[in-house]
Amino acid sequence: MIEPIYPENVFRFRCHKDISCFTECCAKLRLILTPYDILRIKHRLKIRSEVFLDKFTDSVFEKSQRFPLVQLKMQEDLEKTCPFVTKKGCSIYEDRPGACRLYPVGKASSMVKGKKDGLKKFFMVKEPHCRGFEEDRSWKLDDWINHEGIEEYDILNDKWFEIITSRESLGEEDHVTKKHQMFFMASYNLDRFREFIFNSRFLDLFHIEDDLEKRLDFDDIALMNVGLDWLKFSLFGEATLKVRAGSEKTSN
C-alpha cells in the first residue's frame, strides 16, 4: 500500500536484525540507481564504473523515458535478492542507495528550471511483510530524512533530476542516439568520462579553472558535477560551461 506523507505526519517505524522480516524488503527490487548511488557503491567495492555497471546493473529504456536509466540487478536465486544483502544485513550499508536509505518512505522528484528546489512528493510504502511499523520508534518526515542522511544524496542528485525531468527538446532526431550515449557516460560511467575529458578536445573547448582541472583527475564528485554541467550544455544548450574564445560550440 502507498499513501502520501506530509511533514506534519507522525509514523512509527524501526528496522533491526532481530525483527522477523529482516532483509525481506531486499528482494525483487526495481531499484533505479542515481549517479551518486553508483559513485558511492563503486568506491565501496573499489572497482571501476564499467565493472560495476556490467556486473551489478541492467540498463532500462522504456518508451515513457527520455533517457536510459540504470537498475540494480537482482541475483538469480529463487527470492531474486539484492546482490549486496546477507543474513547479517546489507553488506554496503553505509553506502547503500538513496532509495534504500529512505525506505519505507518513497520520493518522487521533478525539478523546475531556474528554481533551486524542485517539486518533491513523499509517500509511505507499506508492504504486507514489513513488521517495522509495529515497532515503538516514532518519526516525522524531516527527522527521518536527517537520520538517514538523505540531504547529501539530494544535493548531489538534484542537478541530475533536472536533466531527466526536463521537457527541453533534444534537438534533431539524428542526434538523439548520440546524446543518449553522452548521457549514459556522464551519468553512470565516471571513469570513462574522466578519460574522455583528458583524452579528447574537452579542455580545449571549455574553460575549466586550473584548480578544478587538477581535481578532476581524482575527485569523483567534482567530476560528476562537471559531467552534469556538460550534459546540460550539450543536451539543452544551457550556458553551464564557459566556451573558450574561438572554440566551436560543441563538445565533440
Protein backbone atom coordinates (compact mmCIF):
# COMPACT_ATOMS: atom_id res chain seq x y z
CA MET A 1 0.00 0.00 0.00
CA ILE A 2 1.23 3.50 -0.88
CA GLU A 3 -0.10 6.64 0.78
CA PRO A 4 1.06 10.29 0.83
CA ILE A 5 3.05 11.55 3.78
CA TYR A 6 3.46 15.19 4.81
CA PRO A 7 5.91 16.96 7.16
CA GLU A 8 3.35 17.18 9.96
CA ASN A 9 2.55 13.45 9.87
CA VAL A 10 3.97 11.12 12.51
CA PHE A 11 4.72 7.48 11.69
CA ARG A 12 6.13 4.54 13.63
CA PHE A 13 8.99 2.54 12.15
CA ARG A 14 12.15 0.73 13.14
CA CYS A 15 14.17 -1.93 11.35
CA HIS A 16 16.76 -4.09 13.12
CA LYS A 17 18.38 -7.52 12.81
CA ASP A 18 16.05 -9.14 15.35
CA ILE A 19 12.83 -8.23 13.56
CA SER A 20 11.09 -11.20 11.90
CA CYS A 21 11.02 -9.63 8.42
CA PHE A 22 14.68 -8.56 8.44
CA THR A 23 16.02 -8.23 4.82
CA GLU A 24 12.71 -9.35 3.24
CA CYS A 25 12.49 -5.92 1.62
CA CYS A 26 15.86 -6.56 -0.09
CA ALA A 27 14.48 -8.71 -2.91
CA LYS A 28 12.61 -8.38 -6.21
CA LEU A 29 13.58 -4.72 -6.35
CA ARG A 30 13.10 -2.44 -9.34
CA LEU A 31 15.64 0.00 -7.99
CA ILE A 32 16.78 2.78 -10.32
CA LEU A 33 20.26 3.98 -9.37
CA THR A 34 21.33 7.61 -9.48
CA PRO A 35 24.84 8.81 -10.39
CA TYR A 36 25.67 9.39 -6.72
CA ASP A 37 24.39 5.92 -5.79
CA ILE A 38 26.82 4.40 -8.30
CA LEU A 39 29.70 6.61 -7.21
CA ARG A 40 29.27 5.58 -3.55
CA ILE A 41 28.93 1.86 -4.27
CA LYS A 42 31.80 1.59 -6.77
CA HIS A 43 34.08 3.37 -4.28
CA ARG A 44 32.94 0.96 -1.58
CA LEU A 45 33.72 -2.03 -3.81
CA LYS A 46 36.95 -0.44 -5.12
CA ILE A 47 36.07 -1.15 -8.75
CA ARG A 48 35.77 0.94 -11.91
CA SER A 49 32.42 2.25 -13.04
CA GLU A 50 32.17 -0.01 -16.08
CA VAL A 51 32.90 -3.10 -13.95
CA PHE A 52 30.12 -2.13 -11.55
CA LEU A 53 27.72 -1.43 -14.41
CA ASP A 54 28.46 -4.73 -16.13
CA LYS A 55 28.26 -6.90 -13.02
CA PHE A 56 25.54 -5.30 -10.93
CA THR A 57 23.15 -3.41 -13.20
CA ASP A 58 20.76 -3.64 -16.13
CA SER A 59 20.01 -0.76 -18.48
CA VAL A 60 16.36 0.26 -18.65
CA PHE A 61 14.98 2.28 -21.53
CA GLU A 62 11.22 2.36 -21.89
CA LYS A 63 9.08 4.40 -24.27
CA SER A 64 7.92 6.65 -21.44
CA GLN A 65 11.51 7.65 -20.63
CA ARG A 66 13.60 10.30 -22.34
CA PHE A 67 16.92 8.81 -21.22
CA PRO A 68 18.37 5.36 -20.49
CA LEU A 69 18.35 4.56 -16.78
CA VAL A 70 20.26 2.00 -14.75
CA GLN A 71 18.61 -0.56 -12.49
CA LEU A 72 20.22 -2.69 -9.80
CA LYS A 73 20.39 -6.30 -10.97
CA MET A 74 18.92 -8.89 -8.60
CA GLN A 75 20.58 -12.26 -8.05
CA GLU A 76 19.45 -15.36 -9.93
CA ASP A 77 18.12 -17.12 -6.84
CA LEU A 78 14.53 -18.06 -6.04
CA GLU A 79 13.96 -14.93 -3.98
CA LYS A 80 15.65 -12.61 -6.51
CA THR A 81 17.60 -10.99 -3.69
CA CYS A 82 19.76 -7.90 -3.84
CA PRO A 83 23.41 -8.76 -4.65
CA PHE A 84 24.55 -6.93 -1.53
CA VAL A 85 22.23 -8.45 1.06
CA THR A 86 23.49 -11.08 3.54
CA LYS A 87 21.95 -12.87 6.51
CA LYS A 88 23.51 -10.16 8.69
CA GLY A 89 22.01 -7.38 6.60
CA CYS A 90 23.30 -5.05 3.90
CA SER A 91 26.99 -5.52 3.13
CA ILE A 92 27.28 -1.94 1.79
CA TYR A 93 25.00 -0.38 4.41
CA GLU A 94 26.96 2.87 4.87
CA ASP A 95 26.93 3.40 1.09
CA ARG A 96 23.53 1.91 0.21
CA PRO A 97 21.43 3.66 -2.47
CA GLY A 98 19.37 6.69 -1.53
CA ALA A 99 16.08 4.84 -2.11
CA CYS A 100 17.15 2.17 0.38
CA ARG A 101 18.13 4.79 2.94
CA LEU A 102 14.75 6.50 2.61
CA TYR A 103 12.63 3.29 2.87
CA PRO A 104 9.84 2.89 3.97
CA VAL A 105 9.39 6.43 2.67
CA GLY A 106 9.43 6.90 -1.09
CA LYS A 107 10.02 10.07 -3.06
CA ALA A 108 9.08 11.41 -6.49
CA SER A 109 11.14 14.37 -7.72
CA SER A 110 10.55 16.85 -10.50
CA MET A 111 13.00 19.73 -10.83
CA VAL A 112 11.96 23.10 -12.28
CA LYS A 113 14.39 25.06 -14.46
CA GLY A 114 15.58 28.23 -12.75
CA LYS A 115 14.40 27.17 -9.30
CA LYS A 116 16.74 25.91 -6.61
CA ASP A 117 14.26 23.47 -5.11
CA GLY A 118 12.07 21.30 -7.27
CA LEU A 119 8.82 19.56 -6.57
CA LYS A 120 9.31 16.64 -4.19
CA LYS A 121 6.45 14.44 -3.09
CA PHE A 122 6.87 11.84 -0.36
CA PHE A 123 4.81 8.74 0.21
CA MET A 124 4.78 5.84 2.65
CA VAL A 125 5.36 2.33 1.29
CA LYS A 126 3.59 -0.23 3.47
CA GLU A 127 4.39 -3.76 2.34
CA PRO A 128 2.48 -6.71 3.85
CA HIS A 129 5.60 -8.45 5.14
CA CYS A 130 7.01 -5.42 6.98
CA ARG A 131 6.78 -5.53 10.77
CA GLY A 132 8.76 -2.32 11.20
CA PHE A 133 5.55 -0.32 11.51
CA GLU A 134 4.71 -2.25 14.67
CA GLU A 135 7.84 -1.01 16.44
CA ASP A 136 7.75 1.78 19.04
CA ARG A 137 10.00 4.42 17.39
CA SER A 138 8.13 7.49 16.11
CA TRP A 139 9.27 9.89 13.40
CA LYS A 140 8.30 12.98 11.50
CA LEU A 141 9.36 13.16 7.87
CA ASP A 142 12.22 15.66 8.35
CA ASP A 143 13.57 13.68 11.32
CA TRP A 144 13.62 10.50 9.23
CA ILE A 145 15.33 12.23 6.30
CA ASN A 146 18.01 13.70 8.56
CA HIS A 147 18.51 10.40 10.40
CA GLU A 148 19.09 8.52 7.14
CA GLY A 149 21.48 11.09 5.62
CA ILE A 150 19.30 11.83 2.60
CA GLU A 151 20.24 15.52 2.32
CA GLU A 152 23.70 14.72 0.91
CA TYR A 153 22.14 12.50 -1.75
CA ASP A 154 19.61 15.19 -2.67
CA ILE A 155 22.28 17.87 -3.05
CA LEU A 156 24.33 15.71 -5.38
CA ASN A 157 21.43 14.25 -7.36
CA ASP A 158 19.17 17.27 -7.85
CA LYS A 159 21.11 18.50 -10.91
CA TRP A 160 20.67 15.07 -12.48
CA PHE A 161 16.94 15.07 -11.74
CA GLU A 162 16.74 18.45 -13.51
CA ILE A 163 18.09 16.71 -16.61
CA ILE A 164 15.91 13.60 -16.60
CA THR A 165 12.72 15.54 -15.85
CA SER A 166 13.45 18.36 -18.30
CA ARG A 167 10.99 18.99 -21.12
CA GLU A 168 13.57 20.80 -23.25
CA SER A 169 13.98 19.44 -26.77
CA LEU A 170 16.89 17.11 -27.50
CA GLY A 171 17.13 18.57 -30.97
CA GLU A 172 17.16 16.77 -34.28
CA GLU A 173 16.20 13.08 -34.23
CA ASP A 174 19.51 12.12 -35.87
CA HIS A 175 21.38 13.41 -32.81
CA VAL A 176 19.28 11.76 -30.10
CA THR A 177 21.14 8.42 -30.05
CA LYS A 178 24.47 10.18 -29.59
CA LYS A 179 23.01 12.35 -26.84
CA HIS A 180 21.74 9.22 -25.06
CA GLN A 181 25.28 7.82 -25.18
CA MET A 182 26.65 11.06 -23.74
CA PHE A 183 24.03 10.96 -21.00
CA PHE A 184 24.88 7.38 -20.08
CA MET A 185 28.63 8.04 -19.88
CA ALA A 186 28.47 11.26 -17.85
CA SER A 187 25.72 9.96 -15.55
CA TYR A 188 26.95 6.46 -14.80
CA ASN A 189 30.44 5.73 -16.16
CA LEU A 190 32.54 8.37 -14.44
CA ASP A 191 35.83 6.58 -15.11
CA ARG A 192 35.08 6.60 -18.83
CA PHE A 193 34.03 10.27 -18.62
CA ARG A 194 37.33 11.16 -16.93
CA GLU A 195 39.21 9.52 -19.79
CA PHE A 196 37.03 11.45 -22.25
CA ILE A 197 37.88 14.77 -20.59
CA PHE A 198 41.63 14.22 -20.64
CA ASN A 199 41.93 12.38 -23.96
CA SER A 200 39.63 14.48 -26.14
CA ARG A 201 39.39 18.19 -27.01
CA PHE A 202 37.19 18.83 -23.98
CA LEU A 203 39.73 21.02 -22.16
CA ASP A 204 40.50 22.90 -25.37
CA LEU A 205 36.82 23.65 -25.93
CA PHE A 206 35.78 24.54 -22.38
CA HIS A 207 37.42 26.86 -19.88
CA ILE A 208 37.88 24.90 -16.65
CA GLU A 209 39.62 26.66 -13.76
CA ASP A 210 43.12 25.27 -13.09
CA ASP A 211 42.28 24.09 -9.58
CA LEU A 212 39.14 22.30 -10.78
CA GLU A 213 41.01 20.74 -13.71
CA LYS A 214 43.53 19.21 -11.28
CA ARG A 215 40.73 17.91 -9.06
CA LEU A 216 39.02 16.20 -11.98
CA ASP A 217 41.89 13.72 -12.05
CA PHE A 218 40.96 12.28 -8.63
CA ASP A 219 37.79 13.92 -7.24
CA ASP A 220 34.75 11.98 -8.48
CA ILE A 221 32.21 14.41 -7.01
CA ALA A 222 33.80 17.34 -8.87
CA LEU A 223 33.91 15.13 -11.96
CA MET A 224 30.23 14.23 -11.62
CA ASN A 225 29.23 17.89 -11.33
CA VAL A 226 31.23 18.87 -14.41
CA GLY A 227 29.65 15.94 -16.26
CA LEU A 228 26.15 17.13 -15.40
CA ASP A 229 27.02 20.68 -16.45
CA TRP A 230 28.34 19.26 -19.74
CA LEU A 231 25.09 17.37 -20.25
CA LYS A 232 23.00 20.49 -19.69
CA PHE A 233 25.21 22.34 -22.18
CA SER A 234 25.25 19.57 -24.78
CA LEU A 235 21.68 18.31 -24.47
CA PHE A 236 19.78 21.56 -23.98
CA GLY A 237 22.19 24.34 -24.91
CA GLU A 238 22.30 25.80 -21.39
CA ALA A 239 25.25 28.08 -20.56
CA THR A 240 26.55 25.80 -17.80
CA LEU A 241 30.12 25.66 -19.15
CA LYS A 242 32.27 28.51 -20.41
CA VAL A 243 33.40 28.03 -24.02
CA ARG A 244 36.96 29.13 -24.78
CA ALA A 245 37.29 32.03 -27.19
CA GLY A 246 37.50 30.77 -30.76
CA SER A 247 36.15 27.31 -29.91
CA GLU A 248 33.12 25.90 -31.69
CA LYS A 249 30.01 25.38 -29.56
CA THR A 250 30.45 21.65 -29.46
CA SER A 251 32.00 19.08 -27.17
CA ASN A 252 32.83 16.52 -29.89
